[in-house]
Amino acid sequence: MSKSKRGSTRKSRKSSPAIVSKRPATQQLVTSRSAPAPVYKTGFSPAIWNAAKSEAKQEMIATAVAQGVMNYTQLAESITSIFLQADDLRLAFLLDEISREEDLAGRGMLTAVVVRKSNGQPGKGFFRLAKQLGRNTSCETTFWIEELRTVHKSWRREAVGHCTLLPVTMSASIEIDGLPAVS
């Protein structure tokens, strides 16, 4: 507590309690006037945040396996654990965490598959993070194309690695939907 000039007592900002939203528990916001733990910058509990991160990651992996790209709106709409919009800063936090984890796993920055509708390339946050990770981003377009190729190649290998091809031997005749039997 500290005294103001008028002699009244007021609480110090550093000791103020957390403010909890009246939203449903699944979207509970937790904020504080003091520096919160990094996960609470998002406003969601770790369990809910991780569920949203998992949903986003699965969508991006499916896009990478298909050798494609998706825009920020498509990604935001695919996340059902929490409500995010394409321009939500928390979506940027989510993408940052996923990129760091995937890069650490040696599969490149998975978020390379997420692009802006306006120009078909990732946003500035993608390139800022790439610089922090030690990448050469002097030519952003070239860097992004190379990173996208790395991600596509990594996830294509992962997808193929999870498929087991079994040898098929047929010793009997097989008839399929009224077609002549093949032996």
Protein backbone atom coordinates (compact mmCIF):
# COMPACT_ATOMS: atom_id res chain seq x y z
CA MET A 1 0.00 0.00 0.00
CA SER A 2 1.17 3.53 -0.61
CA LYS A 3 -0.05 6.97 0.46
CA SER A 4 -1.14 9.45 -2.15
CA LYS A 5 -0.53 13.20 -1.84
CA ARG A 6 -3.95 13.65 -0.22
CA GLY A 7 -3.15 11.14 2.53
CA SER A 8 -5.55 8.42 1.38
CA THR A 9 -4.35 4.87 1.08
CA ARG A 10 -4.48 3.10 -2.30
CA LYS A 11 -3.32 -0.25 -3.60
CA SER A 12 -0.10 -0.48 -5.55
CA ARG A 13 -0.55 -1.66 -9.15
CA LYS A 14 1.96 -4.45 -8.63
CA SER A 15 -0.18 -6.21 -6.05
CA SER A 16 -3.54 -6.03 -7.85
CA PRO A 17 -5.31 -9.36 -8.21
CA ALA A 18 -6.09 -11.12 -11.48
CA ILE A 19 -9.27 -10.08 -13.26
CA VAL A 20 -11.32 -13.05 -14.42
CA SER A 21 -13.85 -12.79 -17.23
CA LYS A 22 -17.44 -13.98 -16.86
CA ARG A 23 -17.18 -15.99 -20.12
CA PRO A 24 -17.88 -19.73 -20.16
CA ALA A 25 -15.11 -21.82 -18.62
CA THR A 26 -14.01 -23.00 -22.07
CA GLN A 27 -13.20 -19.44 -23.06
CA GLN A 28 -12.25 -18.01 -19.66
CA LEU A 29 -10.00 -14.98 -19.92
CA VAL A 30 -7.41 -14.40 -17.25
CA THR A 31 -5.57 -11.10 -17.13
CA SER A 32 -3.45 -9.35 -14.56
CA ARG A 33 -1.88 -5.97 -14.13
CA SER A 34 1.48 -7.58 -13.33
CA ALA A 35 3.48 -9.55 -15.89
CA PRO A 36 1.58 -12.82 -16.51
CA ALA A 37 3.09 -16.15 -17.46
CA PRO A 38 3.52 -16.36 -21.26
CA VAL A 39 0.62 -18.76 -21.82
CA TYR A 40 -1.79 -16.36 -20.13
CA LYS A 41 -0.97 -13.64 -22.65
CA THR A 42 -3.41 -15.61 -24.77
CA GLY A 43 -6.23 -15.35 -22.26
CA PHE A 44 -6.87 -19.11 -22.18
CA SER A 45 -5.95 -21.86 -19.77
CA PRO A 46 -3.06 -24.09 -20.85
CA ALA A 47 -5.40 -27.03 -21.53
CA ILE A 48 -7.68 -25.02 -23.80
CA TRP A 49 -4.73 -23.33 -25.49
CA ASN A 50 -3.05 -26.67 -26.19
CA ALA A 51 -6.29 -28.07 -27.62
CA ALA A 52 -6.52 -25.11 -30.01
CA LYS A 53 -2.84 -25.49 -30.90
CA SER A 54 -3.38 -29.16 -31.66
CA GLU A 55 -6.35 -28.39 -33.93
CA ALA A 56 -4.37 -25.73 -35.80
CA LYS A 57 -1.38 -28.01 -36.15
CA GLN A 58 -3.49 -30.84 -37.57
CA GLU A 59 -5.02 -28.49 -40.16
CA MET A 60 -1.58 -27.24 -41.19
CA ILE A 61 -0.19 -30.78 -41.37
CA ALA A 62 -3.09 -31.87 -43.60
CA THR A 63 -2.37 -28.87 -45.83
CA ALA A 64 1.36 -29.71 -45.94
CA VAL A 65 0.69 -33.38 -46.75
CA ALA A 66 -1.56 -32.21 -49.61
CA GLN A 67 1.32 -29.95 -50.75
CA GLY A 68 -0.87 -26.86 -50.43
CA VAL A 69 -1.33 -23.59 -48.56
CA MET A 70 -4.23 -22.14 -46.58
CA ASN A 71 -5.08 -18.60 -45.57
CA TYR A 72 -5.28 -17.20 -42.03
CA THR A 73 -9.10 -17.08 -42.15
CA GLN A 74 -9.35 -20.75 -43.08
CA LEU A 75 -7.01 -21.66 -40.24
CA ALA A 76 -8.85 -19.52 -37.68
CA GLU A 77 -12.20 -21.02 -38.72
CA SER A 78 -10.82 -24.56 -38.38
CA ILE A 79 -10.06 -24.03 -34.68
CA THR A 80 -13.09 -24.94 -32.58
CA SER A 81 -11.60 -25.01 -29.06
CA ILE A 82 -11.43 -21.23 -28.95
CA PHE A 83 -12.72 -18.38 -31.07
CA LEU A 84 -10.02 -16.61 -33.05
CA GLN A 85 -10.15 -14.36 -36.07
CA ALA A 86 -7.53 -14.12 -38.78
CA ASP A 87 -6.19 -10.80 -37.44
CA ASP A 88 -6.26 -11.86 -33.76
CA LEU A 89 -2.89 -11.39 -32.05
CA ARG A 90 -3.45 -14.66 -30.19
CA LEU A 91 -3.44 -16.49 -33.55
CA ALA A 92 0.04 -15.04 -34.09
CA PHE A 93 1.12 -16.42 -30.66
CA LEU A 94 -0.30 -19.81 -31.61
CA LEU A 95 1.54 -19.85 -34.95
CA ASP A 96 4.76 -18.73 -33.27
CA GLU A 97 4.64 -21.63 -30.79
CA ILE A 98 3.88 -24.17 -33.50
CA SER A 99 6.67 -22.89 -35.75
CA ARG A 100 9.22 -23.06 -32.95
CA GLU A 101 8.20 -26.61 -32.01
CA GLU A 102 8.21 -27.87 -35.59
CA ASP A 103 11.51 -26.22 -36.39
CA LEU A 104 13.04 -27.78 -33.28
CA ALA A 105 11.73 -31.17 -34.47
CA GLY A 106 13.59 -30.64 -37.76
CA ARG A 107 10.54 -30.34 -40.02
CA GLY A 108 10.85 -26.64 -40.82
CA MET A 109 8.45 -23.85 -39.94
CA LEU A 110 5.08 -25.57 -40.45
CA THR A 111 3.35 -22.20 -40.51
CA ALA A 112 4.85 -21.58 -43.95
CA VAL A 113 1.62 -23.15 -45.24
CA VAL A 114 -0.45 -20.25 -43.81
CA VAL A 115 -0.67 -17.20 -46.08
CA ARG A 116 -2.49 -13.90 -46.44
CA LYS A 117 -5.36 -13.68 -48.90
CA SER A 118 -4.00 -10.40 -50.27
CA ASN A 119 -0.66 -11.63 -51.57
CA GLY A 120 -0.53 -15.40 -51.01
CA GLN A 121 2.46 -15.17 -48.65
CA PRO A 122 2.87 -15.41 -44.86
CA GLY A 123 2.58 -12.30 -42.72
CA LYS A 124 5.44 -10.29 -41.23
CA GLY A 125 5.41 -12.32 -38.00
CA PHE A 126 6.49 -15.41 -39.95
CA PHE A 127 9.57 -13.59 -41.29
CA ARG A 128 10.40 -11.99 -37.90
CA LEU A 129 10.38 -15.42 -36.28
CA ALA A 130 12.47 -16.88 -39.10
CA LYS A 131 15.11 -14.21 -38.40
CA GLN A 132 15.02 -15.07 -34.67
CA LEU A 133 15.55 -18.72 -35.61
CA GLY A 134 18.67 -17.72 -37.54
CA ARG A 135 17.27 -17.96 -41.06
CA ASN A 136 18.43 -15.71 -43.91
CA THR A 137 15.36 -13.67 -44.81
CA SER A 138 17.10 -11.03 -46.93
CA CYS A 139 14.81 -12.07 -49.78
CA GLU A 140 11.56 -12.96 -48.03
CA THR A 141 9.87 -14.56 -51.04
CA THR A 142 12.82 -16.83 -51.78
CA PHE A 143 13.13 -17.80 -48.13
CA TRP A 144 9.39 -18.56 -47.86
CA ILE A 145 9.36 -20.72 -51.01
CA GLU A 146 12.36 -22.70 -49.74
CA GLU A 147 10.77 -23.13 -46.30
CA LEU A 148 7.46 -24.18 -47.85
CA ARG A 149 9.29 -26.82 -49.91
CA THR A 150 11.04 -28.07 -46.76
CA VAL A 151 7.73 -28.35 -44.90
CA HIS A 152 5.97 -30.06 -47.83
CA LYS A 153 8.83 -32.52 -48.22
CA SER A 154 9.01 -33.24 -44.47
CA TRP A 155 5.30 -33.92 -44.13
CA ARG A 156 5.13 -35.92 -47.35
CA ARG A 157 7.86 -38.17 -45.85
CA GLU A 158 5.99 -38.31 -42.52
CA ALA A 159 2.76 -39.28 -44.30
CA VAL A 160 4.45 -41.97 -46.36
CA GLY A 161 6.28 -43.24 -43.29
CA HIS A 162 2.96 -43.88 -41.56
CA CYS A 163 1.56 -45.93 -44.44
CA THR A 164 2.48 -49.57 -44.60
CA LEU A 165 2.32 -51.25 -47.95
CA LEU A 166 1.56 -54.92 -47.63
CA PRO A 167 2.24 -57.40 -50.41
CA VAL A 168 -0.99 -58.71 -51.88
CA THR A 169 -1.26 -62.22 -53.21
CA MET A 170 -4.43 -63.59 -54.69
CA SER A 171 -4.97 -67.25 -55.09
CA ALA A 172 -8.72 -67.21 -55.63
CA SER A 173 -11.01 -65.50 -58.10
CA ILE A 174 -12.55 -62.25 -56.88
CA GLU A 175 -15.80 -60.77 -58.15
CA ILE A 176 -16.42 -57.08 -57.51
CA ASP A 177 -19.90 -55.54 -57.86
CA GLY A 178 -21.05 -57.72 -60.71
CA LEU A 179 -17.85 -57.37 -62.75
CA PRO A 180 -16.31 -60.55 -64.13
CA ALA A 181 -14.14 -62.46 -61.71
CA VAL A 182 -10.41 -61.83 -61.85
CA SER A 183 -8.04 -64.64 -61.06
